[in-house]
Amino acid sequence: MNSAESIIEFFNKLNSPVVQTKGVEVLNPLLLDETRNIISTFYYKYYNDNRKRIAFIGINPGRLGSGLTGIGFTDPVNLKEKCGIDNSFQQKHELSSRFVYDVIEAYGGVEAFYQDVFISSTVPLGFVKDGINLNYYDIKELEKELTPYIKTQFERQLKFLRRDVAFVVGKGKNLKFLEKLNKSEGYFEKLEVLPHPRWVMQYRLKQKQEFIAEFVQKISSWVK
């Protein structure tokens, strides 16, 4: 089983966590046939080999990006225009996706980037509360009840990931959670840290090119 097949199998067998935290709904794009087809098309296109990739670990999918397309940090516009995969979703940009695809462009394009990187997230499915995106750590009760699920999903991804390094996207609570988890479970030898794309786009837009350069330099330094 090569990387594409292993990743597609991971998604095909990905079940929604049972969430008891009041008012929280799970965002599972895999319930849509189109999203499942997109995942299959995308990974056969860019991952159809035996290379292990560096994990690029976000927080959890948002409803306008990978919570729709199923592809990490990839909104419907970038899926169509940058990845060449047509889709029927509303063609709206999502802030984090815009930044990540600028990084991908600076890295050398989608083929070069996806040859080296697998975009994952601490929780592979997203959450909403009152119709608004929710991070897994926003409610302590939610984070606690999701931890066994998070461990299971990380263990299932290790077969197609490099173990020497992983990149954590987000320097706050996501980093703190993953440092603690990795210390206890030993998934990766080293965690590198990058600022979250949404933070860059919302609060450091004037320094955007500097952050793009940082992403490219840090990832490139680990490419063998």
Foldseek 3Di string as FASTA:
>chain_A
DALLVLVLVLLVPDDDDDDPPPQKDWLAQVVDPQLSVLSSVQSCVQGVHRAAAAEAAEFEDDCQACSHNVAALHGQQCCCPQVVDHDDDDNDHDQLSVLVQVLQVVLPGDNNVSSHYGYAYLQHIWMDGPRGTDTQPPDVSSVVSCVVVSVVSLVSSLSRHDAAEHEYEADPPRVVVVVVVCVVVVRHNYYHYAYRSVCCVPPVVVCSVVSSVVVSVVSVVPDD
